[in-house]
N, C-alpha and C. Protein backbone atom coordinates (compact mmCIF):
# COMPACT_ATOMS: atom_id res chain seq x y z
N UNK A 1 -50.75 70.72 -44.08
CA UNK A 1 -51.35 69.50 -44.59
C UNK A 1 -51.88 68.66 -43.43
N UNK A 2 -53.01 68.07 -43.65
CA UNK A 2 -53.68 67.27 -42.62
C UNK A 2 -53.23 65.82 -42.69
N UNK A 3 -52.91 65.27 -41.52
CA UNK A 3 -52.53 63.85 -41.46
C UNK A 3 -53.72 62.99 -41.84
N UNK A 4 -53.48 61.97 -42.64
CA UNK A 4 -54.55 61.03 -43.00
C UNK A 4 -54.87 60.13 -41.82
N UNK A 5 -56.13 59.91 -41.59
CA UNK A 5 -56.58 58.99 -40.54
C UNK A 5 -56.74 57.60 -41.15
N UNK A 6 -56.46 56.58 -40.35
CA UNK A 6 -56.60 55.21 -40.84
C UNK A 6 -58.02 54.95 -41.33
N UNK A 7 -58.99 55.54 -40.69
CA UNK A 7 -60.39 55.31 -41.07
C UNK A 7 -60.69 55.82 -42.48
N UNK A 8 -59.85 56.70 -43.02
CA UNK A 8 -60.04 57.21 -44.38
C UNK A 8 -59.49 56.25 -45.42
N UNK A 9 -58.59 55.37 -45.03
CA UNK A 9 -57.94 54.47 -45.98
C UNK A 9 -58.86 53.30 -46.31
N UNK A 10 -59.12 53.05 -47.58
CA UNK A 10 -59.95 51.90 -47.95
C UNK A 10 -59.32 50.59 -47.46
N UNK A 11 -60.15 49.65 -47.04
CA UNK A 11 -59.65 48.33 -46.62
C UNK A 11 -59.68 47.41 -47.84
N UNK A 12 -58.90 47.75 -48.82
CA UNK A 12 -58.81 46.99 -50.06
C UNK A 12 -57.57 47.50 -50.79
N UNK A 13 -56.71 46.61 -51.19
CA UNK A 13 -55.42 47.00 -51.75
C UNK A 13 -55.56 47.80 -53.04
N UNK A 14 -56.40 47.37 -53.95
CA UNK A 14 -56.57 48.08 -55.21
C UNK A 14 -57.20 49.45 -54.96
N UNK A 15 -58.22 49.50 -54.12
CA UNK A 15 -58.86 50.79 -53.81
C UNK A 15 -57.87 51.74 -53.14
N UNK A 16 -57.02 51.22 -52.26
CA UNK A 16 -56.03 52.07 -51.60
C UNK A 16 -55.00 52.58 -52.60
N UNK A 17 -54.58 51.74 -53.54
CA UNK A 17 -53.61 52.17 -54.55
C UNK A 17 -54.14 53.36 -55.35
N UNK A 18 -55.41 53.34 -55.67
CA UNK A 18 -56.04 54.47 -56.38
C UNK A 18 -56.20 55.66 -55.45
N UNK A 19 -56.64 55.42 -54.22
CA UNK A 19 -56.89 56.47 -53.25
C UNK A 19 -55.63 57.29 -52.95
N UNK A 20 -54.48 56.64 -52.92
CA UNK A 20 -53.24 57.32 -52.55
C UNK A 20 -52.74 58.29 -53.62
N UNK A 21 -53.20 58.15 -54.86
CA UNK A 21 -52.79 59.09 -55.91
C UNK A 21 -53.30 60.49 -55.53
N UNK A 22 -52.37 61.43 -55.44
CA UNK A 22 -52.72 62.80 -55.05
C UNK A 22 -52.51 63.09 -53.58
N UNK A 23 -52.34 62.03 -52.77
CA UNK A 23 -52.03 62.25 -51.35
C UNK A 23 -50.54 62.52 -51.19
N UNK A 24 -50.09 62.79 -49.98
CA UNK A 24 -48.72 63.25 -49.73
C UNK A 24 -48.02 62.33 -48.73
N UNK A 25 -46.74 62.07 -48.99
CA UNK A 25 -45.90 61.36 -48.03
C UNK A 25 -44.89 62.37 -47.49
N UNK A 26 -44.83 62.47 -46.17
CA UNK A 26 -43.96 63.44 -45.48
C UNK A 26 -42.95 62.69 -44.63
N UNK A 27 -41.70 63.15 -44.65
CA UNK A 27 -40.69 62.62 -43.73
C UNK A 27 -40.05 63.78 -43.00
N UNK A 28 -40.29 63.85 -41.69
CA UNK A 28 -39.64 64.83 -40.83
C UNK A 28 -38.38 64.18 -40.30
N UNK A 29 -37.30 64.28 -41.07
CA UNK A 29 -36.05 63.64 -40.70
C UNK A 29 -35.19 64.59 -39.86
N UNK A 30 -34.12 64.07 -39.29
CA UNK A 30 -33.21 64.90 -38.51
C UNK A 30 -32.54 65.95 -39.39
N UNK A 31 -32.42 65.66 -40.67
CA UNK A 31 -31.79 66.60 -41.60
C UNK A 31 -32.75 67.68 -42.09
N UNK A 32 -34.05 67.46 -41.92
CA UNK A 32 -35.05 68.41 -42.39
C UNK A 32 -36.29 67.72 -42.91
N UNK A 33 -37.30 68.51 -43.18
CA UNK A 33 -38.58 67.98 -43.66
C UNK A 33 -38.56 67.88 -45.18
N UNK A 34 -38.98 66.73 -45.68
CA UNK A 34 -39.13 66.52 -47.12
C UNK A 34 -40.50 65.91 -47.36
N UNK A 35 -41.08 66.22 -48.50
CA UNK A 35 -42.39 65.64 -48.81
C UNK A 35 -42.60 65.60 -50.32
N UNK A 36 -43.53 64.75 -50.70
CA UNK A 36 -43.88 64.64 -52.11
C UNK A 36 -45.31 64.16 -52.27
N UNK A 37 -45.90 64.54 -53.36
CA UNK A 37 -47.26 64.15 -53.71
C UNK A 37 -47.20 62.84 -54.47
N UNK A 38 -47.95 61.86 -54.03
CA UNK A 38 -47.94 60.53 -54.64
C UNK A 38 -48.60 60.59 -56.02
N UNK A 39 -47.85 60.18 -57.05
CA UNK A 39 -48.38 60.24 -58.41
C UNK A 39 -48.38 58.87 -59.11
N UNK A 40 -47.84 57.84 -58.43
CA UNK A 40 -47.82 56.50 -59.05
C UNK A 40 -47.73 55.43 -57.97
N UNK A 41 -48.57 54.41 -58.09
CA UNK A 41 -48.59 53.30 -57.12
C UNK A 41 -48.78 51.98 -57.86
N UNK A 42 -48.49 50.89 -57.16
CA UNK A 42 -48.81 49.54 -57.65
C UNK A 42 -49.41 48.74 -56.51
N UNK A 43 -50.43 47.98 -56.80
CA UNK A 43 -51.09 47.13 -55.81
C UNK A 43 -50.50 45.72 -55.84
N UNK A 44 -50.18 45.20 -54.66
CA UNK A 44 -49.73 43.81 -54.49
C UNK A 44 -50.74 43.15 -53.56
N UNK A 45 -51.71 42.49 -54.19
CA UNK A 45 -52.91 42.01 -53.51
C UNK A 45 -52.70 40.65 -52.84
N UNK A 46 -53.68 40.27 -52.05
CA UNK A 46 -53.67 38.96 -51.38
C UNK A 46 -53.58 37.85 -52.43
N UNK A 47 -52.82 36.81 -52.13
CA UNK A 47 -52.67 35.66 -53.02
C UNK A 47 -52.07 36.03 -54.39
N UNK A 48 -51.21 37.02 -54.40
CA UNK A 48 -50.56 37.51 -55.62
C UNK A 48 -49.16 36.90 -55.71
N UNK A 49 -48.87 36.07 -56.73
CA UNK A 49 -47.55 35.45 -56.84
C UNK A 49 -46.40 36.45 -56.95
N UNK A 50 -46.69 37.69 -57.31
CA UNK A 50 -45.65 38.73 -57.40
C UNK A 50 -45.41 39.43 -56.06
N UNK A 51 -46.22 39.11 -55.08
CA UNK A 51 -46.13 39.78 -53.77
C UNK A 51 -45.15 39.07 -52.84
N UNK A 52 -44.46 39.84 -52.04
CA UNK A 52 -43.56 39.26 -51.03
C UNK A 52 -44.33 38.43 -49.99
N UNK A 53 -45.63 38.66 -49.87
CA UNK A 53 -46.44 37.95 -48.88
C UNK A 53 -47.04 36.65 -49.41
N UNK A 54 -46.77 36.30 -50.64
CA UNK A 54 -47.43 35.16 -51.28
C UNK A 54 -47.25 33.85 -50.51
N UNK A 55 -46.06 33.62 -49.96
CA UNK A 55 -45.79 32.37 -49.25
C UNK A 55 -46.00 32.49 -47.74
N UNK A 56 -46.58 33.59 -47.30
CA UNK A 56 -46.87 33.76 -45.89
C UNK A 56 -45.92 34.74 -45.20
N UNK A 57 -46.19 34.96 -43.92
CA UNK A 57 -45.43 35.94 -43.14
C UNK A 57 -44.04 35.42 -42.80
N UNK A 58 -43.07 36.31 -42.89
CA UNK A 58 -41.68 36.04 -42.50
C UNK A 58 -41.18 37.26 -41.73
N UNK A 59 -39.98 37.17 -41.20
CA UNK A 59 -39.39 38.33 -40.52
C UNK A 59 -39.24 39.49 -41.49
N UNK A 60 -38.91 39.20 -42.74
CA UNK A 60 -38.70 40.26 -43.73
C UNK A 60 -39.98 40.99 -44.11
N UNK A 61 -41.07 40.25 -44.31
CA UNK A 61 -42.30 40.87 -44.82
C UNK A 61 -43.37 41.10 -43.76
N UNK A 62 -43.03 40.98 -42.49
CA UNK A 62 -44.03 41.06 -41.40
C UNK A 62 -44.88 42.32 -41.48
N UNK A 63 -44.30 43.43 -41.91
CA UNK A 63 -45.05 44.70 -41.95
C UNK A 63 -46.18 44.68 -42.98
N UNK A 64 -46.09 43.80 -43.97
CA UNK A 64 -47.19 43.68 -44.94
C UNK A 64 -48.45 43.13 -44.28
N UNK A 65 -48.29 42.47 -43.15
CA UNK A 65 -49.42 41.83 -42.47
C UNK A 65 -50.00 42.71 -41.36
N UNK A 66 -49.48 43.92 -41.21
CA UNK A 66 -50.05 44.86 -40.24
C UNK A 66 -51.32 45.47 -40.81
N UNK A 67 -52.16 46.05 -39.95
CA UNK A 67 -53.36 46.70 -40.47
C UNK A 67 -52.97 47.84 -41.40
N UNK A 68 -53.89 48.20 -42.28
CA UNK A 68 -53.59 49.18 -43.33
C UNK A 68 -52.98 50.47 -42.76
N UNK A 69 -52.08 51.06 -43.53
CA UNK A 69 -51.50 52.33 -43.13
C UNK A 69 -50.14 52.26 -42.47
N UNK A 70 -49.48 51.10 -42.53
CA UNK A 70 -48.13 50.97 -41.98
C UNK A 70 -47.11 50.88 -43.11
N UNK A 71 -45.89 51.31 -42.83
CA UNK A 71 -44.83 51.25 -43.84
C UNK A 71 -44.26 49.84 -43.92
N UNK A 72 -44.07 49.38 -45.13
CA UNK A 72 -43.31 48.16 -45.40
C UNK A 72 -42.13 48.58 -46.26
N UNK A 73 -40.94 48.55 -45.68
CA UNK A 73 -39.73 48.99 -46.37
C UNK A 73 -38.81 47.80 -46.56
N UNK A 74 -38.34 47.60 -47.77
CA UNK A 74 -37.43 46.47 -48.04
C UNK A 74 -36.31 46.90 -48.97
N UNK A 75 -35.25 46.13 -48.98
CA UNK A 75 -34.06 46.37 -49.80
C UNK A 75 -34.16 45.51 -51.05
N UNK A 76 -33.87 46.09 -52.21
CA UNK A 76 -34.03 45.36 -53.46
C UNK A 76 -32.79 45.51 -54.35
N UNK A 77 -32.44 44.44 -55.02
CA UNK A 77 -31.32 44.41 -55.96
C UNK A 77 -30.00 44.82 -55.32
N UNK A 78 -29.92 44.80 -54.01
CA UNK A 78 -28.68 45.14 -53.32
C UNK A 78 -28.30 46.60 -53.41
N UNK A 79 -29.23 47.47 -53.86
CA UNK A 79 -28.89 48.88 -54.02
C UNK A 79 -29.92 49.87 -53.50
N UNK A 80 -31.20 49.50 -53.47
CA UNK A 80 -32.25 50.47 -53.18
C UNK A 80 -33.25 49.96 -52.15
N UNK A 81 -33.83 50.91 -51.43
CA UNK A 81 -34.98 50.60 -50.57
C UNK A 81 -36.24 50.98 -51.33
N UNK A 82 -37.33 50.30 -51.00
CA UNK A 82 -38.64 50.61 -51.55
C UNK A 82 -39.61 50.79 -50.39
N UNK A 83 -40.54 51.72 -50.56
CA UNK A 83 -41.52 52.02 -49.51
C UNK A 83 -42.92 51.63 -49.98
N UNK A 84 -43.60 50.87 -49.15
CA UNK A 84 -44.96 50.41 -49.42
C UNK A 84 -45.86 50.82 -48.26
N UNK A 85 -47.16 50.73 -48.51
CA UNK A 85 -48.15 50.98 -47.47
C UNK A 85 -48.97 49.70 -47.31
N UNK A 86 -48.99 49.14 -46.08
CA UNK A 86 -49.82 47.96 -45.84
C UNK A 86 -51.27 48.33 -46.13
N UNK A 87 -52.07 47.34 -46.61
CA UNK A 87 -53.32 47.75 -47.24
C UNK A 87 -54.58 46.99 -46.84
N UNK A 88 -54.49 46.06 -45.92
CA UNK A 88 -55.69 45.30 -45.57
C UNK A 88 -55.85 45.27 -44.04
N UNK A 89 -56.68 44.35 -43.56
CA UNK A 89 -56.82 44.14 -42.12
C UNK A 89 -55.58 43.44 -41.60
N UNK A 90 -55.33 43.55 -40.31
CA UNK A 90 -54.19 42.87 -39.70
C UNK A 90 -54.27 41.37 -40.00
N UNK A 91 -53.13 40.79 -40.37
CA UNK A 91 -53.07 39.37 -40.66
C UNK A 91 -53.17 39.03 -42.13
N UNK A 92 -53.56 40.00 -42.97
CA UNK A 92 -53.66 39.79 -44.41
C UNK A 92 -52.45 40.45 -45.06
N UNK A 93 -51.64 39.68 -45.76
CA UNK A 93 -50.43 40.20 -46.38
C UNK A 93 -50.69 40.84 -47.73
N UNK A 94 -50.66 42.16 -47.76
CA UNK A 94 -50.85 42.91 -49.00
C UNK A 94 -50.33 44.32 -48.79
N UNK A 95 -49.95 44.98 -49.89
CA UNK A 95 -49.41 46.34 -49.76
C UNK A 95 -49.48 47.08 -51.08
N UNK A 96 -49.31 48.39 -50.97
CA UNK A 96 -49.25 49.27 -52.12
C UNK A 96 -47.84 49.83 -52.21
N UNK A 97 -47.17 49.57 -53.33
CA UNK A 97 -45.84 50.11 -53.57
C UNK A 97 -45.98 51.56 -54.04
N UNK A 98 -45.23 52.46 -53.40
CA UNK A 98 -45.18 53.85 -53.85
C UNK A 98 -44.09 53.93 -54.92
N UNK A 99 -44.49 54.17 -56.17
CA UNK A 99 -43.55 54.15 -57.30
C UNK A 99 -42.98 55.52 -57.64
N UNK A 100 -43.73 56.58 -57.44
CA UNK A 100 -43.23 57.91 -57.80
C UNK A 100 -43.97 59.00 -57.04
N UNK A 101 -43.22 60.04 -56.69
CA UNK A 101 -43.76 61.22 -56.03
C UNK A 101 -43.33 62.47 -56.75
N UNK A 102 -44.17 63.48 -56.69
CA UNK A 102 -43.84 64.81 -57.19
C UNK A 102 -43.27 65.62 -56.03
N UNK A 103 -42.03 66.11 -56.11
CA UNK A 103 -41.42 66.81 -54.98
C UNK A 103 -42.22 68.05 -54.55
N UNK A 104 -42.37 68.23 -53.24
CA UNK A 104 -43.06 69.39 -52.70
C UNK A 104 -42.16 70.21 -51.77
N UNK A 105 -41.69 69.60 -50.70
CA UNK A 105 -40.90 70.32 -49.69
C UNK A 105 -39.52 69.68 -49.55
N UNK A 106 -38.54 70.50 -49.18
CA UNK A 106 -37.20 69.99 -48.93
C UNK A 106 -36.43 69.60 -50.17
N UNK A 107 -36.70 70.27 -51.27
CA UNK A 107 -36.06 69.90 -52.54
C UNK A 107 -34.53 69.99 -52.47
N UNK A 108 -33.93 71.02 -51.85
CA UNK A 108 -32.46 71.03 -51.76
C UNK A 108 -31.89 69.80 -51.05
N UNK A 109 -32.56 69.33 -50.00
CA UNK A 109 -32.12 68.13 -49.30
C UNK A 109 -32.26 66.90 -50.20
N UNK A 110 -33.37 66.82 -50.95
CA UNK A 110 -33.54 65.71 -51.89
C UNK A 110 -32.43 65.72 -52.94
N UNK A 111 -32.11 66.91 -53.46
CA UNK A 111 -31.05 67.03 -54.47
C UNK A 111 -29.71 66.56 -53.91
N UNK A 112 -29.46 66.89 -52.67
CA UNK A 112 -28.21 66.45 -52.03
C UNK A 112 -28.19 64.94 -51.89
N UNK A 113 -29.28 64.36 -51.42
CA UNK A 113 -29.34 62.91 -51.23
C UNK A 113 -29.24 62.16 -52.56
N UNK A 114 -29.82 62.72 -53.59
CA UNK A 114 -29.86 62.05 -54.90
C UNK A 114 -28.69 62.44 -55.79
N UNK A 115 -27.93 63.46 -55.40
CA UNK A 115 -26.80 63.95 -56.19
C UNK A 115 -27.24 64.36 -57.60
N UNK A 116 -28.38 65.04 -57.67
CA UNK A 116 -28.87 65.59 -58.94
C UNK A 116 -29.72 66.81 -58.65
N UNK A 117 -29.74 67.73 -59.59
CA UNK A 117 -30.59 68.90 -59.49
C UNK A 117 -31.76 68.80 -60.47
N UNK A 118 -31.84 67.69 -61.15
CA UNK A 118 -32.92 67.47 -62.12
C UNK A 118 -34.17 67.03 -61.36
N UNK A 119 -35.12 67.95 -61.19
CA UNK A 119 -36.28 67.68 -60.33
C UNK A 119 -37.07 66.46 -60.77
N UNK A 120 -37.13 66.22 -62.07
CA UNK A 120 -37.90 65.08 -62.57
C UNK A 120 -37.32 63.75 -62.09
N UNK A 121 -36.02 63.71 -61.81
CA UNK A 121 -35.38 62.47 -61.41
C UNK A 121 -35.25 62.30 -59.89
N UNK A 122 -35.79 63.21 -59.12
CA UNK A 122 -35.64 63.10 -57.67
C UNK A 122 -36.41 61.91 -57.10
N UNK A 123 -37.67 61.73 -57.52
CA UNK A 123 -38.50 60.67 -56.93
C UNK A 123 -39.28 59.90 -57.98
N UNK A 124 -38.73 59.78 -59.18
CA UNK A 124 -39.38 59.05 -60.28
C UNK A 124 -38.83 57.63 -60.27
N UNK A 125 -39.54 56.75 -59.58
CA UNK A 125 -39.12 55.36 -59.39
C UNK A 125 -38.98 55.08 -57.90
N UNK A 126 -39.30 53.86 -57.47
CA UNK A 126 -39.35 53.57 -56.03
C UNK A 126 -38.02 53.69 -55.31
N UNK A 127 -36.91 53.33 -55.94
CA UNK A 127 -35.61 53.45 -55.29
C UNK A 127 -35.20 54.90 -55.12
N UNK A 128 -35.40 55.69 -56.14
CA UNK A 128 -35.09 57.12 -56.07
C UNK A 128 -35.94 57.80 -55.00
N UNK A 129 -37.21 57.43 -54.97
CA UNK A 129 -38.16 57.98 -54.00
C UNK A 129 -37.64 57.77 -52.57
N UNK A 130 -37.27 56.55 -52.25
CA UNK A 130 -36.79 56.26 -50.89
C UNK A 130 -35.50 57.01 -50.58
N UNK A 131 -34.61 57.08 -51.54
CA UNK A 131 -33.35 57.79 -51.33
C UNK A 131 -33.60 59.28 -51.10
N UNK A 132 -34.43 59.89 -51.92
CA UNK A 132 -34.72 61.33 -51.80
C UNK A 132 -35.38 61.67 -50.48
N UNK A 133 -36.25 60.78 -50.02
CA UNK A 133 -36.95 61.02 -48.75
C UNK A 133 -36.17 60.55 -47.53
N UNK A 134 -35.05 59.87 -47.75
CA UNK A 134 -34.27 59.37 -46.62
C UNK A 134 -34.94 58.20 -45.90
N UNK A 135 -35.61 57.34 -46.67
CA UNK A 135 -36.32 56.19 -46.10
C UNK A 135 -35.40 54.98 -46.11
N UNK A 136 -35.32 54.29 -44.96
CA UNK A 136 -34.49 53.11 -44.84
C UNK A 136 -35.13 52.07 -43.96
N UNK A 137 -34.38 51.04 -43.56
CA UNK A 137 -34.94 49.92 -42.80
C UNK A 137 -35.51 50.34 -41.45
N UNK A 138 -35.02 51.43 -40.90
CA UNK A 138 -35.54 51.90 -39.60
C UNK A 138 -36.98 52.38 -39.69
N UNK A 139 -37.50 52.58 -40.90
CA UNK A 139 -38.88 53.03 -41.08
C UNK A 139 -39.86 51.88 -41.30
N UNK A 140 -39.34 50.67 -41.47
CA UNK A 140 -40.20 49.51 -41.67
C UNK A 140 -41.13 49.32 -40.47
N UNK A 141 -42.41 49.20 -40.72
CA UNK A 141 -43.39 48.96 -39.67
C UNK A 141 -43.96 50.21 -39.03
N UNK A 142 -43.46 51.40 -39.39
CA UNK A 142 -43.98 52.63 -38.79
C UNK A 142 -45.44 52.83 -39.16
N UNK A 143 -46.19 53.42 -38.25
CA UNK A 143 -47.59 53.75 -38.48
C UNK A 143 -47.65 55.07 -39.25
N UNK A 144 -47.99 55.03 -40.51
CA UNK A 144 -48.02 56.21 -41.36
C UNK A 144 -49.22 57.11 -41.07
N UNK A 145 -50.12 56.65 -40.20
CA UNK A 145 -51.28 57.46 -39.80
C UNK A 145 -51.12 57.97 -38.36
N UNK A 146 -49.96 57.76 -37.77
CA UNK A 146 -49.73 58.14 -36.38
C UNK A 146 -48.77 59.31 -36.26
N UNK A 147 -48.00 59.29 -35.18
CA UNK A 147 -47.08 60.39 -34.88
C UNK A 147 -45.66 60.12 -35.34
N UNK A 148 -45.45 59.11 -36.15
CA UNK A 148 -44.11 58.77 -36.64
C UNK A 148 -43.58 59.89 -37.54
N UNK A 149 -42.26 59.98 -37.67
CA UNK A 149 -41.69 61.01 -38.55
C UNK A 149 -42.04 60.82 -40.03
N UNK A 150 -42.39 59.60 -40.40
CA UNK A 150 -42.84 59.30 -41.77
C UNK A 150 -44.35 59.10 -41.72
N UNK A 151 -45.07 59.90 -42.52
CA UNK A 151 -46.53 59.80 -42.42
C UNK A 151 -47.22 60.22 -43.71
N UNK A 152 -48.47 59.79 -43.84
CA UNK A 152 -49.32 60.14 -44.97
C UNK A 152 -50.14 61.38 -44.62
N UNK A 153 -50.37 62.23 -45.62
CA UNK A 153 -51.14 63.45 -45.39
C UNK A 153 -52.02 63.74 -46.60
N UNK A 154 -52.91 64.68 -46.40
CA UNK A 154 -53.82 65.13 -47.45
C UNK A 154 -53.66 66.64 -47.62
N UNK A 155 -53.30 67.05 -48.81
CA UNK A 155 -53.13 68.48 -49.09
C UNK A 155 -54.42 69.10 -49.60
N UNK A 156 -55.40 68.26 -49.90
CA UNK A 156 -56.65 68.75 -50.47
C UNK A 156 -56.64 68.76 -51.99
N UNK A 157 -55.46 68.56 -52.60
CA UNK A 157 -55.34 68.55 -54.05
C UNK A 157 -55.56 67.13 -54.58
N UNK A 158 -56.44 66.98 -55.53
CA UNK A 158 -56.75 65.67 -56.08
C UNK A 158 -56.13 65.51 -57.47
N UNK A 159 -55.92 64.28 -57.86
CA UNK A 159 -55.43 63.98 -59.21
C UNK A 159 -56.50 64.35 -60.22
N UNK A 160 -56.07 64.99 -61.30
CA UNK A 160 -57.02 65.38 -62.34
C UNK A 160 -57.65 64.15 -63.00
N UNK A 161 -56.81 63.19 -63.33
CA UNK A 161 -57.29 61.94 -63.95
C UNK A 161 -56.31 60.85 -63.58
N UNK A 162 -56.83 59.68 -63.26
CA UNK A 162 -55.99 58.55 -62.87
C UNK A 162 -55.97 57.52 -63.99
N UNK A 163 -54.76 57.20 -64.44
CA UNK A 163 -54.59 56.16 -65.43
C UNK A 163 -54.27 54.84 -64.76
N UNK A 164 -54.34 53.76 -65.51
CA UNK A 164 -54.02 52.44 -64.96
C UNK A 164 -53.33 51.60 -66.03
N UNK A 165 -52.49 50.68 -65.56
CA UNK A 165 -51.76 49.82 -66.49
C UNK A 165 -51.32 48.55 -65.74
N UNK A 166 -50.60 47.71 -66.47
CA UNK A 166 -49.96 46.56 -65.83
C UNK A 166 -48.80 47.08 -64.97
N UNK A 167 -48.32 46.24 -64.05
CA UNK A 167 -47.21 46.63 -63.18
C UNK A 167 -45.89 46.56 -63.93
N UNK A 168 -44.88 47.16 -63.34
CA UNK A 168 -43.57 47.28 -63.98
C UNK A 168 -42.55 46.40 -63.26
N UNK A 169 -41.71 45.71 -64.03
CA UNK A 169 -40.57 44.99 -63.48
C UNK A 169 -40.88 43.72 -62.72
N UNK A 170 -42.00 43.08 -63.04
CA UNK A 170 -42.34 41.81 -62.39
C UNK A 170 -42.33 40.69 -63.43
N UNK A 171 -42.27 39.45 -62.96
CA UNK A 171 -42.24 38.32 -63.88
C UNK A 171 -43.45 37.40 -63.73
N UNK A 172 -44.27 37.62 -62.70
CA UNK A 172 -45.49 36.82 -62.50
C UNK A 172 -46.70 37.73 -62.49
N UNK A 173 -47.83 37.20 -62.94
CA UNK A 173 -49.07 37.98 -62.99
C UNK A 173 -48.85 39.29 -63.74
N UNK A 174 -48.11 39.21 -64.83
CA UNK A 174 -47.71 40.42 -65.57
C UNK A 174 -48.87 41.09 -66.31
N UNK A 175 -49.97 40.38 -66.51
CA UNK A 175 -51.08 40.95 -67.27
C UNK A 175 -52.10 41.70 -66.41
N UNK A 176 -51.96 41.62 -65.10
CA UNK A 176 -52.95 42.25 -64.21
C UNK A 176 -52.77 43.77 -64.18
N UNK A 177 -53.87 44.48 -64.29
CA UNK A 177 -53.86 45.94 -64.30
C UNK A 177 -53.96 46.42 -62.85
N UNK A 178 -52.78 46.61 -62.24
CA UNK A 178 -52.71 46.97 -60.81
C UNK A 178 -51.77 48.15 -60.55
N UNK A 179 -51.45 48.89 -61.59
CA UNK A 179 -50.62 50.10 -61.46
C UNK A 179 -51.49 51.31 -61.74
N UNK A 180 -51.35 52.35 -60.90
CA UNK A 180 -52.17 53.55 -61.03
C UNK A 180 -51.26 54.77 -61.04
N UNK A 181 -51.63 55.78 -61.81
CA UNK A 181 -50.78 56.97 -61.93
C UNK A 181 -51.62 58.18 -62.30
N UNK A 182 -51.08 59.35 -62.02
CA UNK A 182 -51.75 60.59 -62.42
C UNK A 182 -51.41 60.88 -63.87
N UNK A 183 -52.41 60.90 -64.71
CA UNK A 183 -52.20 61.14 -66.14
C UNK A 183 -51.57 62.51 -66.37
N UNK A 184 -50.56 62.53 -67.26
CA UNK A 184 -49.93 63.79 -67.64
C UNK A 184 -48.92 64.33 -66.65
N UNK A 185 -48.70 63.65 -65.54
CA UNK A 185 -47.74 64.15 -64.56
C UNK A 185 -46.32 63.75 -64.99
N UNK A 186 -45.40 64.70 -65.11
CA UNK A 186 -44.05 64.40 -65.60
C UNK A 186 -43.20 63.59 -64.63
N UNK A 187 -43.65 63.45 -63.38
CA UNK A 187 -42.88 62.73 -62.38
C UNK A 187 -43.20 61.24 -62.32
N UNK A 188 -44.16 60.79 -63.14
CA UNK A 188 -44.52 59.37 -63.21
C UNK A 188 -43.37 58.61 -63.87
N UNK A 189 -43.10 57.40 -63.37
CA UNK A 189 -42.02 56.59 -63.93
C UNK A 189 -42.55 55.65 -65.00
N UNK A 190 -41.67 54.83 -65.54
CA UNK A 190 -42.09 53.80 -66.48
C UNK A 190 -42.08 54.26 -67.92
N UNK A 191 -42.21 53.30 -68.83
CA UNK A 191 -42.20 53.61 -70.26
C UNK A 191 -43.43 54.39 -70.70
N UNK A 192 -43.26 55.19 -71.72
CA UNK A 192 -44.37 56.04 -72.21
C UNK A 192 -45.56 55.22 -72.65
N UNK A 193 -45.32 54.02 -73.17
CA UNK A 193 -46.43 53.20 -73.65
C UNK A 193 -47.41 52.83 -72.53
N UNK A 194 -46.93 52.86 -71.28
CA UNK A 194 -47.81 52.53 -70.15
C UNK A 194 -48.44 53.76 -69.51
N UNK A 195 -48.06 54.95 -69.96
CA UNK A 195 -48.50 56.17 -69.29
C UNK A 195 -49.45 57.02 -70.11
N UNK A 196 -50.16 56.39 -71.03
CA UNK A 196 -51.08 57.14 -71.89
C UNK A 196 -52.37 57.52 -71.21
């Protein structure tokens, strides 16, 4: 698989959220290589009340303000990490949440990390995704287009059809259509009513 170059990434959060569907996230960890094909994303755009960057840069969300293609990893609900991709020019706080991946490589390691052999549940949802890939706070700010162990790649396989819907699990700007997914893919998360 070919590493994605930053120049290939659109400089627009919504465009990047669509672009990432069908691309691959790889983690070359000390325990082994794991990867998955991105099948679901959500855009958190500039001036978005649902975005962690809405009130400006802080120590916690600083990676959202890096130029596009960097990891923004945060802890949520006291139980899970979530992995995002910064999505604009440096200084603009916005990111794309990776919501679900289709497992490709390192499935036994993912099963061990997730304590399940049910492939559909390995990376269906952002918390599961991070756990299966072994993503944690040490990956926050990494350049996903560089030589870091966590990186974006292109397998050459494209999504057959991309669906869109409102985002999941937010309380502000709930009507905005900023979630993208590969239609018909069984690894997509969320309720069936949003995955038509």
